[in-house]
Amino acid sequence: MATANQMERLVGKALFDSEFRYQLIADPGTAARSAGIFLSEEQAARVRGLNVEELEALAEKFRKMVGPKNAIRYW
């Protein structure tokens, strides 16, 4: 089961990495394991239930807010 801090890392990575974002939605367990994080079945189900369009909009808004040069500092 992933900790709150680990879940925040997954979300952060998903905000900056579109390929990871799609992998996370499609197969949360595998995507999380690629980052060294292990999700419970409940956590994986919650990730699968995320609204992809809303996540995309949030990622775009966040990228505009921090800018491409500062993105790595946030991650």
PDB file of N, CA and C in Angstrom:
ATOM      1  N   MET A   1       0.842  -1.183   0.000  1.00  0.00           N
ATOM      2  CA  MET A   1       0.000   0.000   0.000  1.00  0.00           C
ATOM      3  C   MET A   1       0.882   1.239   0.000  1.00  0.00           C
ATOM      4  N   ALA A   2       0.590   2.154  -0.905  1.00  0.00           N
ATOM      5  CA  ALA A   2       1.375   3.374  -1.034  1.00  0.00           C
ATOM      6  C   ALA A   2       1.011   4.356   0.074  1.00  0.00           C
ATOM      7  N   THR A   3       2.011   5.085   0.528  1.00  0.00           N
ATOM      8  CA  THR A   3       1.784   6.133   1.523  1.00  0.00           C
ATOM      9  C   THR A   3       1.228   7.374   0.827  1.00  0.00           C
ATOM     10  N   ALA A   4       0.766   8.325   1.600  1.00  0.00           N
ATOM     11  CA  ALA A   4       0.259   9.584   1.047  1.00  0.00           C
ATOM     12  C   ALA A   4       1.362  10.294   0.262  1.00  0.00           C
ATOM     13  N   ASN A   5       2.574  10.271   0.781  1.00  0.00           N
ATOM     14  CA  ASN A   5       3.708  10.904   0.109  1.00  0.00           C
ATOM     15  C   ASN A   5       3.968  10.230  -1.247  1.00  0.00           C
ATOM     16  N   GLN A   6       3.897   8.925  -1.290  1.00  0.00           N
ATOM     17  CA  GLN A   6       4.109   8.208  -2.541  1.00  0.00           C
ATOM     18  C   GLN A   6       2.995   8.508  -3.547  1.00  0.00           C
ATOM     19  N   MET A   7       1.773   8.612  -3.072  1.00  0.00           N
ATOM     20  CA  MET A   7       0.662   8.956  -3.967  1.00  0.00           C
ATOM     21  C   MET A   7       0.870  10.357  -4.544  1.00  0.00           C
ATOM     22  N   GLU A   8       1.362  11.271  -3.727  1.00  0.00           N
ATOM     23  CA  GLU A   8       1.652  12.619  -4.213  1.00  0.00           C
ATOM     24  C   GLU A   8       2.741  12.582  -5.276  1.00  0.00           C
ATOM     25  N   ARG A   9       3.741  11.729  -5.092  1.00  0.00           N
ATOM     26  CA  ARG A   9       4.792  11.581  -6.107  1.00  0.00           C
ATOM     27  C   ARG A   9       4.216  11.077  -7.420  1.00  0.00           C
ATOM     28  N   LEU A  10       3.289  10.117  -7.346  1.00  0.00           N
ATOM     29  CA  LEU A  10       2.667   9.597  -8.569  1.00  0.00           C
ATOM     30  C   LEU A  10       1.909  10.695  -9.292  1.00  0.00           C
ATOM     31  N   VAL A  11       1.145  11.468  -8.553  1.00  0.00           N
ATOM     32  CA  VAL A  11       0.379  12.551  -9.163  1.00  0.00           C
ATOM     33  C   VAL A  11       1.330  13.583  -9.769  1.00  0.00           C
ATOM     34  N   GLY A  12       2.365  13.927  -9.052  1.00  0.00           N
ATOM     35  CA  GLY A  12       3.351  14.886  -9.570  1.00  0.00           C
ATOM     36  C   GLY A  12       3.980  14.405 -10.856  1.00  0.00           C
ATOM     37  N   LYS A  13       4.370  13.151 -10.885  1.00  0.00           N
ATOM     38  CA  LYS A  13       4.952  12.586 -12.106  1.00  0.00           C
ATOM     39  C   LYS A  13       3.939  12.606 -13.234  1.00  0.00           C
ATOM     40  N   ALA A  14       2.703  12.287 -12.934  1.00  0.00           N
ATOM     41  CA  ALA A  14       1.649  12.287 -13.953  1.00  0.00           C
ATOM     42  C   ALA A  14       1.392  13.694 -14.494  1.00  0.00           C
ATOM     43  N   LEU A  15       1.541  14.708 -13.668  1.00  0.00           N
ATOM     44  CA  LEU A  15       1.316  16.072 -14.124  1.00  0.00           C
ATOM     45  C   LEU A  15       2.368  16.516 -15.132  1.00  0.00           C
ATOM     46  N   PHE A  16       3.596  16.052 -14.973  1.00  0.00           N
ATOM     47  CA  PHE A  16       4.689  16.496 -15.838  1.00  0.00           C
ATOM     48  C   PHE A  16       5.022  15.543 -16.967  1.00  0.00           C
ATOM     49  N   ASP A  17       4.583  14.318 -16.883  1.00  0.00           N
ATOM     50  CA  ASP A  17       4.978  13.295 -17.861  1.00  0.00           C
ATOM     51  C   ASP A  17       3.723  12.692 -18.482  1.00  0.00           C
ATOM     52  N   SER A  18       3.375  13.140 -19.679  1.00  0.00           N
ATOM     53  CA  SER A  18       2.125  12.688 -20.299  1.00  0.00           C
ATOM     54  C   SER A  18       2.121  11.191 -20.574  1.00  0.00           C
ATOM     55  N   GLU A  19       3.253  10.621 -20.962  1.00  0.00           N
ATOM     56  CA  GLU A  19       3.308   9.181 -21.205  1.00  0.00           C
ATOM     57  C   GLU A  19       3.015   8.412 -19.918  1.00  0.00           C
ATOM     58  N   PHE A  20       3.626   8.847 -18.829  1.00  0.00           N
ATOM     59  CA  PHE A  20       3.364   8.203 -17.541  1.00  0.00           C
ATOM     60  C   PHE A  20       1.905   8.380 -17.133  1.00  0.00           C
ATOM     61  N   ARG A  21       1.352   9.551 -17.395  1.00  0.00           N
ATOM     62  CA  ARG A  21      -0.040   9.828 -17.050  1.00  0.00           C
ATOM     63  C   ARG A  21      -0.966   8.811 -17.726  1.00  0.00           C
ATOM     64  N   TYR A  22      -0.753   8.555 -19.006  1.00  0.00           N
ATOM     65  CA  TYR A  22      -1.588   7.587 -19.724  1.00  0.00           C
ATOM     66  C   TYR A  22      -1.379   6.169 -19.194  1.00  0.00           C
ATOM     67  N   GLN A  23      -0.129   5.840 -18.882  1.00  0.00           N
ATOM     68  CA  GLN A  23       0.157   4.520 -18.317  1.00  0.00           C
ATOM     69  C   GLN A  23      -0.506   4.356 -16.957  1.00  0.00           C
ATOM     70  N   LEU A  24      -0.470   5.398 -16.158  1.00  0.00           N
ATOM     71  CA  LEU A  24      -1.038   5.348 -14.815  1.00  0.00           C
ATOM     72  C   LEU A  24      -2.542   5.106 -14.870  1.00  0.00           C
ATOM     73  N   ILE A  25      -3.218   5.773 -15.780  1.00  0.00           N
ATOM     74  CA  ILE A  25      -4.660   5.586 -15.919  1.00  0.00           C
ATOM     75  C   ILE A  25      -4.982   4.191 -16.451  1.00  0.00           C
ATOM     76  N   ALA A  26      -4.208   3.741 -17.441  1.00  0.00           N
ATOM     77  CA  ALA A  26      -4.470   2.447 -18.079  1.00  0.00           C
ATOM     78  C   ALA A  26      -4.148   1.272 -17.167  1.00  0.00           C
ATOM     79  N   ASP A  27      -3.032   1.366 -16.456  1.00  0.00           N
ATOM     80  CA  ASP A  27      -2.586   0.257 -15.610  1.00  0.00           C
ATOM     81  C   ASP A  27      -1.856   0.825 -14.390  1.00  0.00           C
ATOM     82  N   PRO A  28      -2.628   1.277 -13.397  1.00  0.00           N
ATOM     83  CA  PRO A  28      -2.030   1.949 -12.243  1.00  0.00           C
ATOM     84  C   PRO A  28      -0.960   1.126 -11.525  1.00  0.00           C
ATOM     85  N   GLY A  29      -1.211  -0.157 -11.341  1.00  0.00           N
ATOM     86  CA  GLY A  29      -0.255  -0.985 -10.609  1.00  0.00           C
ATOM     87  C   GLY A  29       1.093  -1.050 -11.284  1.00  0.00           C
ATOM     88  N   THR A  30       1.094  -1.304 -12.582  1.00  0.00           N
ATOM     89  CA  THR A  30       2.349  -1.405 -13.333  1.00  0.00           C
ATOM     90  C   THR A  30       3.063  -0.066 -13.391  1.00  0.00           C
ATOM     91  N   ALA A  31       2.316   0.999 -13.660  1.00  0.00           N
ATOM     92  CA  ALA A  31       2.925   2.333 -13.726  1.00  0.00           C
ATOM     93  C   ALA A  31       3.541   2.712 -12.379  1.00  0.00           C
ATOM     94  N   ALA A  32       2.814   2.462 -11.308  1.00  0.00           N
ATOM     95  CA  ALA A  32       3.333   2.788  -9.975  1.00  0.00           C
ATOM     96  C   ALA A  32       4.582   1.970  -9.659  1.00  0.00           C
ATOM     97  N   ARG A  33       4.556   0.687  -9.985  1.00  0.00           N
ATOM     98  CA  ARG A  33       5.735  -0.155  -9.727  1.00  0.00           C
ATOM     99  C   ARG A  33       6.954   0.348 -10.494  1.00  0.00           C
ATOM    100  N   SER A  34       6.733   0.909 -11.702  1.00  0.00           N
ATOM    101  CA  SER A  34       7.864   1.443 -12.470  1.00  0.00           C
ATOM    102  C   SER A  34       8.516   2.615 -11.740  1.00  0.00           C
ATOM    103  N   ALA A  35       7.779   3.238 -10.827  1.00  0.00           N
ATOM    104  CA  ALA A  35       8.305   4.332 -10.009  1.00  0.00           C
ATOM    105  C   ALA A  35       8.704   3.845  -8.614  1.00  0.00           C
ATOM    106  N   GLY A  36       8.683   2.525  -8.408  1.00  0.00           N
ATOM    107  CA  GLY A  36       9.068   1.957  -7.119  1.00  0.00           C
ATOM    108  C   GLY A  36       7.990   2.073  -6.057  1.00  0.00           C
ATOM    109  N   ILE A  37       6.749   2.219  -6.485  1.00  0.00           N
ATOM    110  CA  ILE A  37       5.620   2.394  -5.562  1.00  0.00           C
ATOM    111  C   ILE A  37       4.632   1.260  -5.780  1.00  0.00           C
ATOM    112  N   PHE A  38       4.117   0.717  -4.705  1.00  0.00           N
ATOM    113  CA  PHE A  38       3.188  -0.398  -4.789  1.00  0.00           C
ATOM    114  C   PHE A  38       1.823   0.032  -4.258  1.00  0.00           C
ATOM    115  N   LEU A  39       0.821  -0.076  -5.126  1.00  0.00           N
ATOM    116  CA  LEU A  39      -0.542   0.338  -4.776  1.00  0.00           C
ATOM    117  C   LEU A  39      -1.353  -0.838  -4.258  1.00  0.00           C
ATOM    118  N   SER A  40      -2.230  -0.555  -3.304  1.00  0.00           N
ATOM    119  CA  SER A  40      -3.208  -1.556  -2.909  1.00  0.00           C
ATOM    120  C   SER A  40      -4.252  -1.629  -4.023  1.00  0.00           C
ATOM    121  N   GLU A  41      -5.072  -2.658  -4.007  1.00  0.00           N
ATOM    122  CA  GLU A  41      -6.118  -2.768  -5.027  1.00  0.00           C
ATOM    123  C   GLU A  41      -7.080  -1.586  -4.939  1.00  0.00           C
ATOM    124  N   GLU A  42      -7.373  -1.141  -3.730  1.00  0.00           N
ATOM    125  CA  GLU A  42      -8.256   0.015  -3.553  1.00  0.00           C
ATOM    126  C   GLU A  42      -7.642   1.278  -4.154  1.00  0.00           C
ATOM    127  N   GLN A  43      -6.354   1.481  -3.924  1.00  0.00           N
ATOM    128  CA  GLN A  43      -5.679   2.648  -4.483  1.00  0.00           C
ATOM    129  C   GLN A  43      -5.667   2.580  -6.013  1.00  0.00           C
ATOM    130  N   ALA A  44      -5.379   1.409  -6.559  1.00  0.00           N
ATOM    131  CA  ALA A  44      -5.372   1.242  -8.014  1.00  0.00           C
ATOM    132  C   ALA A  44      -6.751   1.523  -8.594  1.00  0.00           C
ATOM    133  N   ALA A  45      -7.788   1.067  -7.925  1.00  0.00           N
ATOM    134  CA  ALA A  45      -9.156   1.305  -8.394  1.00  0.00           C
ATOM    135  C   ALA A  45      -9.481   2.796  -8.375  1.00  0.00           C
ATOM    136  N   ARG A  46      -9.007   3.498  -7.363  1.00  0.00           N
ATOM    137  CA  ARG A  46      -9.259   4.941  -7.284  1.00  0.00           C
ATOM    138  C   ARG A  46      -8.556   5.670  -8.429  1.00  0.00           C
ATOM    139  N   VAL A  47      -7.342   5.247  -8.744  1.00  0.00           N
ATOM    140  CA  VAL A  47      -6.609   5.859  -9.853  1.00  0.00           C
ATOM    141  C   VAL A  47      -7.329   5.582 -11.173  1.00  0.00           C
ATOM    142  N   ARG A  48      -7.763   4.354 -11.366  1.00  0.00           N
ATOM    143  CA  ARG A  48      -8.496   4.007 -12.591  1.00  0.00           C
ATOM    144  C   ARG A  48      -9.774   4.835 -12.727  1.00  0.00           C
ATOM    145  N   GLY A  49     -10.329   5.279 -11.620  1.00  0.00           N
ATOM    146  CA  GLY A  49     -11.554   6.056 -11.630  1.00  0.00           C
ATOM    147  C   GLY A  49     -11.364   7.547 -11.881  1.00  0.00           C
ATOM    148  N   LEU A  50     -10.110   7.977 -12.024  1.00  0.00           N
ATOM    149  CA  LEU A  50      -9.866   9.394 -12.274  1.00  0.00           C
ATOM    150  C   LEU A  50     -10.431   9.801 -13.627  1.00  0.00           C
ATOM    151  N   ASN A  51     -10.894  11.016 -13.709  1.00  0.00           N
ATOM    152  CA  ASN A  51     -11.403  11.562 -14.949  1.00  0.00           C
ATOM    153  C   ASN A  51     -10.210  12.038 -15.780  1.00  0.00           C
ATOM    154  N   VAL A  52      -9.981  11.392 -16.911  1.00  0.00           N
ATOM    155  CA  VAL A  52      -8.808  11.669 -17.735  1.00  0.00           C
ATOM    156  C   VAL A  52      -8.807  13.116 -18.229  1.00  0.00           C
ATOM    157  N   GLU A  53      -9.955  13.607 -18.658  1.00  0.00           N
ATOM    158  CA  GLU A  53     -10.017  14.976 -19.172  1.00  0.00           C
ATOM    159  C   GLU A  53      -9.683  15.997 -18.083  1.00  0.00           C
ATOM    160  N   GLU A  54     -10.167  15.763 -16.881  1.00  0.00           N
ATOM    161  CA  GLU A  54      -9.867  16.673 -15.777  1.00  0.00           C
ATOM    162  C   GLU A  54      -8.386  16.615 -15.405  1.00  0.00           C
ATOM    163  N   LEU A  55      -7.817  15.424 -15.449  1.00  0.00           N
ATOM    164  CA  LEU A  55      -6.392  15.277 -15.158  1.00  0.00           C
ATOM    165  C   LEU A  55      -5.550  15.988 -16.220  1.00  0.00           C
ATOM    166  N   GLU A  56      -5.951  15.868 -17.473  1.00  0.00           N
ATOM    167  CA  GLU A  56      -5.254  16.563 -18.566  1.00  0.00           C
ATOM    168  C   GLU A  56      -5.325  18.074 -18.370  1.00  0.00           C
ATOM    169  N   ALA A  57      -6.500  18.577 -18.037  1.00  0.00           N
ATOM    170  CA  ALA A  57      -6.672  20.015 -17.832  1.00  0.00           C
ATOM    171  C   ALA A  57      -5.825  20.500 -16.661  1.00  0.00           C
ATOM    172  N   LEU A  58      -5.790  19.725 -15.587  1.00  0.00           N
ATOM    173  CA  LEU A  58      -4.975  20.085 -14.431  1.00  0.00           C
ATOM    174  C   LEU A  58      -3.495  20.089 -14.791  1.00  0.00           C
ATOM    175  N   ALA A  59      -3.054  19.084 -15.546  1.00  0.00           N
ATOM    176  CA  ALA A  59      -1.650  19.006 -15.950  1.00  0.00           C
ATOM    177  C   ALA A  59      -1.270  20.219 -16.797  1.00  0.00           C
ATOM    178  N   GLU A  60      -2.124  20.597 -17.731  1.00  0.00           N
ATOM    179  CA  GLU A  60      -1.851  21.752 -18.586  1.00  0.00           C
ATOM    180  C   GLU A  60      -1.789  23.032 -17.751  1.00  0.00           C
ATOM    181  N   LYS A  61      -2.718  23.196 -16.851  1.00  0.00           N
ATOM    182  CA  LYS A  61      -2.738  24.381 -15.992  1.00  0.00           C
ATOM    183  C   LYS A  61      -1.481  24.449 -15.129  1.00  0.00           C
ATOM    184  N   PHE A  62      -1.080  23.323 -14.581  1.00  0.00           N
ATOM    185  CA  PHE A  62       0.096  23.285 -13.720  1.00  0.00           C
ATOM    186  C   PHE A  62       1.361  23.580 -14.521  1.00  0.00           C
ATOM    187  N   ARG A  63       1.474  22.993 -15.720  1.00  0.00           N
ATOM    188  CA  ARG A  63       2.645  23.254 -16.566  1.00  0.00           C
ATOM    189  C   ARG A  63       2.752  24.728 -16.913  1.00  0.00           C
ATOM    190  N   LYS A  64       1.628  25.359 -17.222  1.00  0.00           N
ATOM    191  CA  LYS A  64       1.640  26.794 -17.536  1.00  0.00           C
ATOM    192  C   LYS A  64       2.045  27.609 -16.313  1.00  0.00           C
ATOM    193  N   MET A  65       1.604  27.173 -15.153  1.00  0.00           N
ATOM    194  CA  MET A  65       1.872  27.906 -13.925  1.00  0.00           C
ATOM    195  C   MET A  65       3.361  27.864 -13.563  1.00  0.00           C
ATOM    196  N   VAL A  66       3.993  26.698 -13.663  1.00  0.00           N
ATOM    197  CA  VAL A  66       5.384  26.581 -13.236  1.00  0.00           C
ATOM    198  C   VAL A  66       6.369  26.797 -14.369  1.00  0.00           C
ATOM    199  N   GLY A  67       5.933  26.628 -15.595  1.00  0.00           N
ATOM    200  CA  GLY A  67       6.808  26.801 -16.747  1.00  0.00           C
ATOM    201  C   GLY A  67       7.724  25.609 -16.934  1.00  0.00           C
ATOM    202  N   PRO A  68       8.155  25.372 -18.158  1.00  0.00           N
ATOM    203  CA  PRO A  68       8.957  24.187 -18.454  1.00  0.00           C
ATOM    204  C   PRO A  68      10.315  24.172 -17.765  1.00  0.00           C
ATOM    205  N   LYS A  69      10.916  25.342 -17.547  1.00  0.00           N
ATOM    206  CA  LYS A  69      12.240  25.375 -16.914  1.00  0.00           C
ATOM    207  C   LYS A  69      12.172  25.033 -15.431  1.00  0.00           C
ATOM    208  N   ASN A  70      11.039  25.300 -14.794  1.00  0.00           N
ATOM    209  CA  ASN A  70      10.905  25.054 -13.358  1.00  0.00           C
ATOM    210  C   ASN A  70      10.272  23.711 -13.033  1.00  0.00           C
ATOM    211  N   ALA A  71       9.775  23.009 -14.027  1.00  0.00           N
ATOM    212  CA  ALA A  71       9.045  21.764 -13.788  1.00  0.00           C
ATOM    213  C   ALA A  71       9.889  20.753 -13.016  1.00  0.00           C
ATOM    214  N   ILE A  72      11.146  20.627 -13.347  1.00  0.00           N
ATOM    215  CA  ILE A  72      11.975  19.615 -12.689  1.00  0.00           C
ATOM    216  C   ILE A  72      12.139  19.931 -11.209  1.00  0.00           C
ATOM    217  N   ARG A  73      12.127  21.191 -10.828  1.00  0.00           N
ATOM    218  CA  ARG A  73      12.265  21.545  -9.407  1.00  0.00           C
ATOM    219  C   ARG A  73      11.072  21.046  -8.598  1.00  0.00           C
ATOM    220  N   TYR A  74       9.896  21.079  -9.214  1.00  0.00           N
ATOM    221  CA  TYR A  74       8.702  20.603  -8.523  1.00  0.00           C
ATOM    222  C   TYR A  74       8.702  19.103  -8.422  1.00  0.00           C
ATOM    223  N   TRP A  75       9.259  18.419  -9.380  1.00  0.00           N
ATOM    224  CA  TRP A  75       9.271  16.963  -9.363  1.00  0.00           C
ATOM    225  C   TRP A  75      10.437  16.508  -8.540  1.00  0.00           C
TER     226      TRP A  75
END
